[in-house]
Amino acid sequence: MYWCKRYLAGVAGLLLLSIASCKKDSGAGADTMKFFDVKGYFSKEAARLSKLNPEINKTAVYNKQPETQTVHITNWANELSMFSESDINKPAWRASYDMQSSNGFIIYKAKDPTLKTQDIVIKKDGSKIRWIFIYNHVKRTIFNVMLYETKETLSYFPDSLYQIQKRQSTRVLGINTYNIKGKFN
């Protein structure tokens, strides 16, 4: 019985040590952003625009059928979600993008053609963002047969214009094009 109590005490000690080692590192996250924080930027823009509540002249074109309305966007986080979803700051992608920076331009280019976000170009004037351009591309094949392909071009000019252009080609449904343009009044 003595060995059993000693064994259980040892297991309990190891369990306590392993639980203590799972404690979050206080320095974790301090240096996790290698690239421009696309997700954080558009989250702040969504909050800022929600407060401002600007009037938007919004045109949506689906397969060449346009519809234009003047609206107040009620959910900016949703409206800008395609931009936010183009975030490249994932730990697994730290070495997946080349970065160039000069004359107020920051350019990120994917090294791997299978990554969704292929290009991000940011124009800055000092610390102020003038515009952001994002190119996304997804292509899925099985046995060398294309199932679908999506190309997205996202442009954002703060307090001026945002545009989402999407071309989707699927084996079953064919080609569909979407274009959303929001002009700030």
N, C-alpha and C. Protein backbone atom coordinates (compact mmCIF):
# COMPACT_ATOMS: atom_id res chain seq x y z
N MET A 1 0.80 -1.20 0.00
CA MET A 1 0.00 0.00 0.00
C MET A 1 0.84 1.26 0.00
N TYR A 2 2.02 1.16 0.64
CA TYR A 2 2.89 2.33 0.72
C TYR A 2 3.28 2.81 -0.67
N TRP A 3 3.63 1.85 -1.56
CA TRP A 3 4.04 2.23 -2.90
C TRP A 3 2.89 2.87 -3.67
N CYS A 4 1.65 2.45 -3.40
CA CYS A 4 0.48 3.00 -4.08
C CYS A 4 0.27 4.47 -3.71
N LYS A 5 0.40 4.78 -2.39
CA LYS A 5 0.25 6.17 -1.96
C LYS A 5 1.34 7.04 -2.56
N ARG A 6 2.56 6.49 -2.58
CA ARG A 6 3.69 7.25 -3.13
C ARG A 6 3.49 7.47 -4.63
N TYR A 7 3.02 6.46 -5.34
CA TYR A 7 2.75 6.56 -6.77
C TYR A 7 1.68 7.62 -7.04
N LEU A 8 0.59 7.60 -6.27
CA LEU A 8 -0.48 8.58 -6.44
C LEU A 8 0.00 9.99 -6.14
N ALA A 9 0.85 10.13 -5.12
CA ALA A 9 1.41 11.46 -4.80
C ALA A 9 2.27 11.95 -5.95
N GLY A 10 3.04 11.07 -6.56
CA GLY A 10 3.87 11.44 -7.70
C GLY A 10 3.03 11.85 -8.90
N VAL A 11 1.96 11.10 -9.20
CA VAL A 11 1.06 11.43 -10.30
C VAL A 11 0.38 12.77 -10.05
N ALA A 12 -0.06 13.01 -8.82
CA ALA A 12 -0.70 14.27 -8.47
C ALA A 12 0.28 15.43 -8.65
N GLY A 13 1.53 15.21 -8.25
CA GLY A 13 2.55 16.26 -8.41
C GLY A 13 2.79 16.57 -9.87
N LEU A 14 2.88 15.54 -10.71
CA LEU A 14 3.07 15.75 -12.15
C LEU A 14 1.87 16.46 -12.76
N LEU A 15 0.68 16.10 -12.31
CA LEU A 15 -0.53 16.74 -12.80
C LEU A 15 -0.54 18.22 -12.46
N LEU A 16 -0.17 18.56 -11.22
CA LEU A 16 -0.11 19.96 -10.82
C LEU A 16 0.93 20.73 -11.62
N LEU A 17 2.09 20.12 -11.86
CA LEU A 17 3.12 20.77 -12.66
C LEU A 17 2.66 21.00 -14.10
N SER A 18 1.97 20.03 -14.67
CA SER A 18 1.51 20.18 -16.05
C SER A 18 0.43 21.25 -16.16
N ILE A 19 -0.43 21.33 -15.13
CA ILE A 19 -1.45 22.38 -15.12
C ILE A 19 -0.80 23.74 -15.00
N ALA A 20 0.20 23.86 -14.14
CA ALA A 20 0.90 25.14 -13.98
C ALA A 20 1.63 25.54 -15.25
N SER A 21 2.12 24.57 -16.01
CA SER A 21 2.84 24.91 -17.24
C SER A 21 1.90 25.36 -18.34
N CYS A 22 0.60 25.11 -18.21
CA CYS A 22 -0.38 25.53 -19.20
C CYS A 22 -0.78 26.99 -19.03
N LYS A 23 -0.28 27.63 -18.00
CA LYS A 23 -0.61 29.03 -17.75
C LYS A 23 -0.19 29.87 -18.95
N LYS A 24 -1.03 30.81 -19.34
CA LYS A 24 -0.73 31.67 -20.48
C LYS A 24 0.50 32.52 -20.20
N ASP A 25 1.39 32.55 -21.18
CA ASP A 25 2.59 33.36 -21.08
C ASP A 25 2.21 34.83 -21.17
N SER A 26 2.65 35.63 -20.22
CA SER A 26 2.28 37.05 -20.21
C SER A 26 2.84 37.79 -21.40
N GLY A 27 3.90 37.27 -22.01
CA GLY A 27 4.48 37.91 -23.19
C GLY A 27 3.85 37.41 -24.49
N ALA A 28 3.01 36.38 -24.41
CA ALA A 28 2.38 35.85 -25.61
C ALA A 28 1.48 36.89 -26.22
N GLY A 29 1.55 37.03 -27.51
CA GLY A 29 0.71 37.98 -28.21
C GLY A 29 1.37 39.33 -28.37
N ALA A 30 2.42 39.60 -27.63
CA ALA A 30 3.07 40.89 -27.73
C ALA A 30 3.74 41.08 -29.08
N ASP A 31 4.23 39.99 -29.66
CA ASP A 31 4.93 40.09 -30.93
C ASP A 31 4.31 39.18 -31.97
N THR A 32 2.98 38.97 -31.92
CA THR A 32 2.36 38.04 -32.83
C THR A 32 2.01 38.67 -34.17
N MET A 33 1.96 39.99 -34.26
CA MET A 33 1.62 40.67 -35.49
C MET A 33 2.88 40.95 -36.31
N LYS A 34 3.10 40.12 -37.30
CA LYS A 34 4.26 40.34 -38.17
C LYS A 34 3.90 41.31 -39.29
N PHE A 35 2.65 41.25 -39.73
CA PHE A 35 2.19 42.06 -40.85
C PHE A 35 1.19 43.12 -40.38
N PHE A 36 0.77 43.97 -41.30
CA PHE A 36 -0.25 44.97 -41.00
C PHE A 36 -1.49 44.26 -40.48
N ASP A 37 -2.11 44.80 -39.44
CA ASP A 37 -3.27 44.19 -38.80
C ASP A 37 -4.55 44.54 -39.56
N VAL A 38 -4.81 43.81 -40.65
CA VAL A 38 -5.99 44.05 -41.49
C VAL A 38 -7.27 43.89 -40.68
N LYS A 39 -7.36 42.81 -39.92
CA LYS A 39 -8.56 42.54 -39.12
C LYS A 39 -8.80 43.64 -38.09
N GLY A 40 -7.75 44.04 -37.38
CA GLY A 40 -7.88 45.10 -36.39
C GLY A 40 -8.24 46.44 -37.00
N TYR A 41 -7.64 46.74 -38.14
CA TYR A 41 -7.93 48.01 -38.82
C TYR A 41 -9.40 48.09 -39.22
N PHE A 42 -9.92 47.03 -39.83
CA PHE A 42 -11.31 47.07 -40.28
C PHE A 42 -12.29 46.96 -39.12
N SER A 43 -11.89 46.37 -38.02
CA SER A 43 -12.71 46.36 -36.83
C SER A 43 -12.86 47.78 -36.28
N LYS A 44 -11.75 48.52 -36.25
CA LYS A 44 -11.79 49.92 -35.81
C LYS A 44 -12.59 50.78 -36.78
N GLU A 45 -12.43 50.53 -38.08
CA GLU A 45 -13.19 51.29 -39.07
C GLU A 45 -14.69 51.03 -38.91
N ALA A 46 -15.06 49.77 -38.67
CA ALA A 46 -16.48 49.44 -38.49
C ALA A 46 -17.05 50.17 -37.28
N ALA A 47 -16.30 50.20 -36.19
CA ALA A 47 -16.76 50.92 -34.99
C ALA A 47 -16.86 52.42 -35.25
N ARG A 48 -15.86 52.97 -35.93
CA ARG A 48 -15.85 54.41 -36.23
C ARG A 48 -17.02 54.79 -37.15
N LEU A 49 -17.25 53.97 -38.19
CA LEU A 49 -18.32 54.26 -39.13
C LEU A 49 -19.70 54.05 -38.51
N SER A 50 -19.80 53.12 -37.58
CA SER A 50 -21.08 52.92 -36.87
C SER A 50 -21.44 54.17 -36.08
N LYS A 51 -20.43 54.80 -35.47
CA LYS A 51 -20.68 56.05 -34.72
C LYS A 51 -21.04 57.19 -35.65
N LEU A 52 -20.30 57.31 -36.77
CA LEU A 52 -20.55 58.41 -37.73
C LEU A 52 -21.87 58.26 -38.47
N ASN A 53 -22.25 57.01 -38.75
CA ASN A 53 -23.47 56.69 -39.49
C ASN A 53 -23.59 57.49 -40.79
N PRO A 54 -22.58 57.41 -41.67
CA PRO A 54 -22.63 58.18 -42.91
C PRO A 54 -23.66 57.65 -43.90
N GLU A 55 -24.11 58.53 -44.76
CA GLU A 55 -25.01 58.13 -45.83
C GLU A 55 -24.16 57.57 -46.97
N ILE A 56 -24.57 56.42 -47.49
CA ILE A 56 -23.80 55.71 -48.51
C ILE A 56 -24.66 55.54 -49.76
N ASN A 57 -24.08 55.89 -50.89
CA ASN A 57 -24.70 55.60 -52.18
C ASN A 57 -24.16 54.24 -52.60
N LYS A 58 -24.97 53.19 -52.42
CA LYS A 58 -24.51 51.82 -52.60
C LYS A 58 -25.10 51.21 -53.87
N THR A 59 -24.21 50.69 -54.70
CA THR A 59 -24.62 50.02 -55.92
C THR A 59 -24.18 48.57 -55.84
N ALA A 60 -25.12 47.68 -56.04
CA ALA A 60 -24.83 46.26 -56.08
C ALA A 60 -25.17 45.75 -57.48
N VAL A 61 -24.22 45.08 -58.09
CA VAL A 61 -24.43 44.52 -59.42
C VAL A 61 -24.21 43.01 -59.33
N TYR A 62 -25.23 42.27 -59.71
CA TYR A 62 -25.13 40.81 -59.74
C TYR A 62 -25.37 40.37 -61.18
N ASN A 63 -24.35 39.76 -61.78
CA ASN A 63 -24.42 39.33 -63.17
C ASN A 63 -24.98 40.43 -64.09
N LYS A 64 -24.40 41.58 -63.99
CA LYS A 64 -24.70 42.76 -64.83
C LYS A 64 -26.07 43.39 -64.55
N GLN A 65 -26.73 43.01 -63.46
CA GLN A 65 -28.01 43.60 -63.08
C GLN A 65 -27.79 44.54 -61.91
N PRO A 66 -27.75 45.87 -62.16
CA PRO A 66 -27.44 46.82 -61.07
C PRO A 66 -28.66 47.22 -60.26
N GLU A 67 -28.39 47.56 -59.01
CA GLU A 67 -29.40 48.13 -58.12
C GLU A 67 -28.67 49.16 -57.25
N THR A 68 -29.19 50.40 -57.24
CA THR A 68 -28.55 51.47 -56.48
C THR A 68 -29.53 52.02 -55.45
N GLN A 69 -29.01 52.24 -54.24
CA GLN A 69 -29.81 52.82 -53.15
C GLN A 69 -28.92 53.75 -52.34
N THR A 70 -29.55 54.73 -51.73
CA THR A 70 -28.86 55.55 -50.74
C THR A 70 -29.28 55.02 -49.38
N VAL A 71 -28.28 54.59 -48.57
CA VAL A 71 -28.58 53.90 -47.32
C VAL A 71 -27.66 54.35 -46.20
N HIS A 72 -28.07 54.03 -44.99
CA HIS A 72 -27.21 54.10 -43.81
C HIS A 72 -26.94 52.65 -43.43
N ILE A 73 -25.70 52.26 -43.44
CA ILE A 73 -25.33 50.87 -43.13
C ILE A 73 -25.54 50.64 -41.63
N THR A 74 -26.31 49.61 -41.29
CA THR A 74 -26.60 49.34 -39.89
C THR A 74 -25.57 48.41 -39.24
N ASN A 75 -24.84 47.65 -40.06
CA ASN A 75 -23.86 46.71 -39.51
C ASN A 75 -22.56 46.81 -40.32
N TRP A 76 -21.70 47.75 -39.92
CA TRP A 76 -20.45 47.96 -40.65
C TRP A 76 -19.50 46.78 -40.53
N ALA A 77 -19.52 46.08 -39.42
CA ALA A 77 -18.65 44.91 -39.27
C ALA A 77 -18.99 43.88 -40.34
N ASN A 78 -20.27 43.67 -40.58
CA ASN A 78 -20.71 42.75 -41.62
C ASN A 78 -20.37 43.30 -43.02
N GLU A 79 -20.58 44.58 -43.21
CA GLU A 79 -20.34 45.22 -44.50
C GLU A 79 -18.87 45.10 -44.91
N LEU A 80 -17.97 45.20 -43.94
CA LEU A 80 -16.53 45.16 -44.22
C LEU A 80 -15.91 43.79 -43.92
N SER A 81 -16.75 42.78 -43.70
CA SER A 81 -16.24 41.47 -43.28
C SER A 81 -15.30 40.82 -44.29
N MET A 82 -15.51 41.02 -45.57
CA MET A 82 -14.62 40.42 -46.55
C MET A 82 -13.21 41.00 -46.44
N PHE A 83 -13.12 42.27 -46.05
CA PHE A 83 -11.81 42.88 -45.83
C PHE A 83 -11.17 42.26 -44.58
N SER A 84 -11.93 42.19 -43.49
CA SER A 84 -11.42 41.63 -42.23
C SER A 84 -10.96 40.19 -42.39
N GLU A 85 -11.69 39.42 -43.18
CA GLU A 85 -11.38 38.01 -43.38
C GLU A 85 -10.11 37.79 -44.21
N SER A 86 -9.55 38.87 -44.73
CA SER A 86 -8.32 38.78 -45.52
C SER A 86 -7.08 39.00 -44.66
N ASP A 87 -7.23 38.82 -43.36
CA ASP A 87 -6.12 38.99 -42.43
C ASP A 87 -5.07 37.91 -42.68
N ILE A 88 -3.80 38.31 -42.72
CA ILE A 88 -2.71 37.36 -42.98
C ILE A 88 -1.85 37.13 -41.73
N ASN A 89 -2.26 37.65 -40.59
CA ASN A 89 -1.50 37.49 -39.35
C ASN A 89 -1.86 36.22 -38.60
N LYS A 90 -1.63 35.10 -39.24
CA LYS A 90 -1.82 33.81 -38.58
C LYS A 90 -0.43 33.23 -38.34
N PRO A 91 -0.18 32.66 -37.16
CA PRO A 91 1.16 32.14 -36.86
C PRO A 91 1.72 31.20 -37.93
N ALA A 92 0.88 30.38 -38.52
CA ALA A 92 1.35 29.43 -39.53
C ALA A 92 1.80 30.12 -40.81
N TRP A 93 1.41 31.38 -41.00
CA TRP A 93 1.74 32.09 -42.24
C TRP A 93 2.89 33.09 -42.08
N ARG A 94 3.60 33.04 -40.96
CA ARG A 94 4.65 34.04 -40.70
C ARG A 94 5.70 34.10 -41.81
N ALA A 95 5.97 32.99 -42.45
CA ALA A 95 6.97 32.97 -43.52
C ALA A 95 6.33 32.84 -44.90
N SER A 96 5.02 33.04 -45.00
CA SER A 96 4.30 32.80 -46.24
C SER A 96 4.13 34.01 -47.14
N TYR A 97 4.55 35.18 -46.68
CA TYR A 97 4.38 36.41 -47.46
C TYR A 97 5.68 37.17 -47.55
N ASP A 98 5.93 37.73 -48.73
CA ASP A 98 7.03 38.68 -48.91
C ASP A 98 6.48 40.06 -48.66
N MET A 99 7.27 40.91 -48.05
CA MET A 99 6.85 42.28 -47.77
C MET A 99 7.85 43.26 -48.38
N GLN A 100 7.30 44.29 -49.02
CA GLN A 100 8.11 45.39 -49.53
C GLN A 100 7.50 46.67 -49.01
N SER A 101 8.35 47.63 -48.71
CA SER A 101 7.86 48.90 -48.20
C SER A 101 8.73 50.03 -48.75
N SER A 102 8.08 51.00 -49.41
CA SER A 102 8.81 52.19 -49.86
C SER A 102 7.85 53.27 -50.29
N ASN A 103 8.24 54.50 -50.07
CA ASN A 103 7.47 55.68 -50.48
C ASN A 103 6.01 55.64 -50.03
N GLY A 104 5.76 55.16 -48.83
CA GLY A 104 4.40 55.13 -48.30
C GLY A 104 3.59 53.92 -48.72
N PHE A 105 4.18 53.01 -49.47
CA PHE A 105 3.48 51.80 -49.89
C PHE A 105 4.00 50.62 -49.08
N ILE A 106 3.08 49.75 -48.67
CA ILE A 106 3.42 48.48 -48.05
C ILE A 106 2.76 47.42 -48.92
N ILE A 107 3.56 46.48 -49.39
CA ILE A 107 3.04 45.45 -50.29
C ILE A 107 3.35 44.07 -49.70
N TYR A 108 2.30 43.25 -49.59
CA TYR A 108 2.45 41.86 -49.15
C TYR A 108 2.06 40.97 -50.32
N LYS A 109 2.90 40.01 -50.63
CA LYS A 109 2.64 39.09 -51.73
C LYS A 109 2.83 37.66 -51.21
N ALA A 110 1.83 36.82 -51.46
CA ALA A 110 1.89 35.42 -51.01
C ALA A 110 2.97 34.66 -51.77
N LYS A 111 3.71 33.85 -51.05
CA LYS A 111 4.70 32.97 -51.67
C LYS A 111 4.05 31.69 -52.17
N ASP A 112 2.91 31.36 -51.59
CA ASP A 112 2.21 30.11 -51.89
C ASP A 112 0.91 30.43 -52.64
N PRO A 113 0.75 29.93 -53.88
CA PRO A 113 -0.46 30.24 -54.66
C PRO A 113 -1.74 29.62 -54.11
N THR A 114 -1.63 28.74 -53.11
CA THR A 114 -2.84 28.14 -52.54
C THR A 114 -3.42 28.95 -51.39
N LEU A 115 -2.70 29.98 -50.93
CA LEU A 115 -3.25 30.84 -49.87
C LEU A 115 -4.35 31.72 -50.46
N LYS A 116 -5.40 31.93 -49.69
CA LYS A 116 -6.53 32.73 -50.18
C LYS A 116 -6.11 34.16 -50.49
N THR A 117 -5.51 34.85 -49.54
CA THR A 117 -5.10 36.23 -49.76
C THR A 117 -3.75 36.23 -50.46
N GLN A 118 -3.75 36.69 -51.70
CA GLN A 118 -2.55 36.67 -52.52
C GLN A 118 -1.77 37.99 -52.46
N ASP A 119 -2.49 39.11 -52.43
CA ASP A 119 -1.82 40.42 -52.43
C ASP A 119 -2.56 41.40 -51.52
N ILE A 120 -1.80 42.19 -50.81
CA ILE A 120 -2.33 43.33 -50.07
C ILE A 120 -1.41 44.50 -50.37
N VAL A 121 -2.00 45.61 -50.80
CA VAL A 121 -1.23 46.83 -51.04
C VAL A 121 -1.86 47.93 -50.21
N ILE A 122 -1.04 48.59 -49.41
CA ILE A 122 -1.52 49.65 -48.52
C ILE A 122 -0.77 50.92 -48.86
N LYS A 123 -1.50 52.00 -49.05
CA LYS A 123 -0.89 53.31 -49.27
C LYS A 123 -1.10 54.13 -48.00
N LYS A 124 0.03 54.56 -47.41
CA LYS A 124 -0.03 55.35 -46.18
C LYS A 124 0.58 56.73 -46.45
N ASP A 125 0.07 57.68 -45.72
CA ASP A 125 0.65 59.02 -45.69
C ASP A 125 0.99 59.28 -44.22
N GLY A 126 2.25 59.02 -43.87
CA GLY A 126 2.62 59.03 -42.46
C GLY A 126 1.99 57.83 -41.79
N SER A 127 1.19 58.07 -40.76
CA SER A 127 0.49 56.96 -40.10
C SER A 127 -0.94 56.80 -40.61
N LYS A 128 -1.37 57.68 -41.49
CA LYS A 128 -2.75 57.64 -42.00
C LYS A 128 -2.86 56.74 -43.23
N ILE A 129 -3.86 55.87 -43.22
CA ILE A 129 -4.12 54.97 -44.35
C ILE A 129 -4.88 55.77 -45.41
N ARG A 130 -4.34 55.80 -46.63
CA ARG A 130 -5.00 56.46 -47.77
C ARG A 130 -5.91 55.48 -48.50
N TRP A 131 -5.40 54.26 -48.71
CA TRP A 131 -6.22 53.21 -49.33
C TRP A 131 -5.60 51.85 -49.10
N ILE A 132 -6.46 50.82 -49.25
CA ILE A 132 -6.04 49.43 -49.12
C ILE A 132 -6.64 48.65 -50.28
N PHE A 133 -5.81 47.85 -50.92
CA PHE A 133 -6.23 46.98 -52.01
C PHE A 133 -5.89 45.54 -51.61
N ILE A 134 -6.84 44.63 -51.78
CA ILE A 134 -6.64 43.22 -51.43
C ILE A 134 -7.10 42.35 -52.60
N TYR A 135 -6.28 41.38 -52.93
CA TYR A 135 -6.66 40.42 -53.97
C TYR A 135 -6.67 39.02 -53.34
N ASN A 136 -7.84 38.37 -53.41
CA ASN A 136 -8.01 37.01 -52.90
C ASN A 136 -8.30 36.06 -54.06
N HIS A 137 -7.80 34.86 -53.95
CA HIS A 137 -8.03 33.85 -55.00
C HIS A 137 -8.10 32.47 -54.35
N VAL A 138 -9.16 31.74 -54.66
CA VAL A 138 -9.32 30.37 -54.17
C VAL A 138 -9.71 29.51 -55.36
N LYS A 139 -9.00 28.40 -55.51
CA LYS A 139 -9.32 27.46 -56.58
C LYS A 139 -9.26 26.05 -56.00
N ARG A 140 -10.34 25.30 -56.16
CA ARG A 140 -10.40 23.94 -55.66
C ARG A 140 -10.61 22.98 -56.83
N THR A 141 -9.76 21.98 -56.88
CA THR A 141 -9.87 20.95 -57.91
C THR A 141 -9.85 19.58 -57.25
N ILE A 142 -10.39 18.62 -57.94
CA ILE A 142 -10.30 17.24 -57.50
C ILE A 142 -10.01 16.40 -58.75
N PHE A 143 -8.97 15.60 -58.68
CA PHE A 143 -8.53 14.79 -59.81
C PHE A 143 -8.36 15.65 -61.07
N ASN A 144 -7.74 16.82 -60.90
CA ASN A 144 -7.48 17.77 -61.99
C ASN A 144 -8.73 18.33 -62.65
N VAL A 145 -9.86 18.25 -61.97
CA VAL A 145 -11.10 18.84 -62.46
C VAL A 145 -11.46 19.99 -61.53
N MET A 146 -11.64 21.17 -62.10
CA MET A 146 -11.95 22.35 -61.30
C MET A 146 -13.38 22.25 -60.75
N LEU A 147 -13.49 22.35 -59.42
CA LEU A 147 -14.81 22.37 -58.78
C LEU A 147 -15.33 23.80 -58.71
N TYR A 148 -14.47 24.71 -58.21
CA TYR A 148 -14.84 26.12 -58.19
C TYR A 148 -13.60 26.99 -58.10
N GLU A 149 -13.78 28.23 -58.50
CA GLU A 149 -12.72 29.22 -58.42
C GLU A 149 -13.37 30.57 -58.08
N THR A 150 -12.78 31.25 -57.12
CA THR A 150 -13.27 32.55 -56.70
C THR A 150 -12.13 33.56 -56.74
N LYS A 151 -12.39 34.70 -57.35
CA LYS A 151 -11.44 35.81 -57.37
C LYS A 151 -12.12 37.03 -56.77
N GLU A 152 -11.47 37.65 -55.80
CA GLU A 152 -12.03 38.83 -55.14
C GLU A 152 -11.02 39.97 -55.21
N THR A 153 -11.50 41.12 -55.59
CA THR A 153 -10.70 42.34 -55.55
C THR A 153 -11.42 43.30 -54.61
N LEU A 154 -10.73 43.67 -53.52
CA LEU A 154 -11.32 44.53 -52.50
C LEU A 154 -10.54 45.84 -52.45
N SER A 155 -11.24 46.95 -52.53
CA SER A 155 -10.61 48.27 -52.47
C SER A 155 -11.29 49.09 -51.40
N TYR A 156 -10.49 49.80 -50.61
CA TYR A 156 -11.05 50.61 -49.53
C TYR A 156 -10.32 51.95 -49.47
N PHE A 157 -11.08 53.02 -49.60
CA PHE A 157 -10.58 54.39 -49.48
C PHE A 157 -11.35 55.02 -48.32
N PRO A 158 -10.74 55.18 -47.14
CA PRO A 158 -11.47 55.67 -45.96
C PRO A 158 -12.27 56.94 -46.25
N ASP A 159 -13.52 56.93 -45.82
CA ASP A 159 -14.44 58.07 -45.93
C ASP A 159 -14.70 58.52 -47.36
N SER A 160 -14.42 57.65 -48.32
CA SER A 160 -14.62 58.00 -49.72
C SER A 160 -15.37 56.89 -50.46
N LEU A 161 -14.78 55.67 -50.47
CA LEU A 161 -15.31 54.60 -51.30
C LEU A 161 -14.82 53.24 -50.82
N TYR A 162 -15.66 52.23 -50.95
CA TYR A 162 -15.21 50.85 -50.80
C TYR A 162 -15.85 50.05 -51.93
N GLN A 163 -15.10 49.06 -52.41
CA GLN A 163 -15.60 48.27 -53.53
C GLN A 163 -15.19 46.81 -53.35
N ILE A 164 -16.15 45.94 -53.64
CA ILE A 164 -15.92 44.50 -53.59
C ILE A 164 -16.31 43.94 -54.95
N GLN A 165 -15.34 43.38 -55.64
CA GLN A 165 -15.60 42.75 -56.93
C GLN A 165 -15.29 41.27 -56.78
N LYS A 166 -16.25 40.45 -57.16
CA LYS A 166 -16.10 39.01 -56.97
C LYS A 166 -16.55 38.29 -58.23
N ARG A 167 -15.73 37.33 -58.65
CA ARG A 167 -16.07 36.48 -59.79
C ARG A 167 -15.96 35.05 -59.31
N GLN A 168 -17.06 34.33 -59.41
CA GLN A 168 -17.11 32.96 -58.92
C GLN A 168 -17.49 32.03 -60.07
N SER A 169 -16.67 31.04 -60.26
CA SER A 169 -16.92 30.07 -61.32
C SER A 169 -17.03 28.69 -60.67
N THR A 170 -18.17 28.05 -60.87
CA THR A 170 -18.36 26.71 -60.31
C THR A 170 -18.69 25.74 -61.43
N ARG A 171 -18.32 24.52 -61.23
CA ARG A 171 -18.57 23.49 -62.24
C ARG A 171 -20.07 23.32 -62.48
N VAL A 172 -20.85 23.45 -61.44
CA VAL A 172 -22.29 23.20 -61.54
C VAL A 172 -23.06 24.45 -61.96
N LEU A 173 -22.77 25.59 -61.34
CA LEU A 173 -23.58 26.80 -61.57
C LEU A 173 -23.02 27.75 -62.63
N GLY A 174 -21.82 27.50 -63.11
CA GLY A 174 -21.24 28.39 -64.11
C GLY A 174 -20.58 29.60 -63.46
N ILE A 175 -20.61 30.74 -64.16
CA ILE A 175 -19.94 31.95 -63.71
C ILE A 175 -20.95 32.96 -63.17
N ASN A 176 -20.64 33.50 -61.98
CA ASN A 176 -21.42 34.57 -61.38
C ASN A 176 -20.48 35.70 -61.01
N THR A 177 -20.92 36.93 -61.25
CA THR A 177 -20.11 38.09 -60.88
C THR A 177 -20.91 38.98 -59.94
N TYR A 178 -20.19 39.54 -58.98
CA TYR A 178 -20.78 40.45 -58.00
C TYR A 178 -19.90 41.69 -57.94
N ASN A 179 -20.52 42.82 -57.80
CA ASN A 179 -19.78 44.06 -57.63
C ASN A 179 -20.58 44.95 -56.67
N ILE A 180 -19.96 45.27 -55.55
CA ILE A 180 -20.61 46.15 -54.58
C ILE A 180 -19.73 47.38 -54.45
N LYS A 181 -20.33 48.53 -54.64
CA LYS A 181 -19.59 49.78 -54.52
C LYS A 181 -20.36 50.71 -53.58
N GLY A 182 -19.68 51.18 -52.56
CA GLY A 182 -20.28 52.11 -51.61
C GLY A 182 -19.54 53.43 -51.66
N LYS A 183 -20.24 54.48 -52.03
CA LYS A 183 -19.64 55.81 -52.07
C LYS A 183 -20.18 56.63 -50.89
N PHE A 184 -19.28 57.21 -50.13
CA PHE A 184 -19.68 58.04 -49.00
C PHE A 184 -20.18 59.37 -49.51
N ASN A 185 -21.35 59.80 -49.02
CA ASN A 185 -21.91 61.11 -49.43
C ASN A 185 -21.40 62.21 -48.52
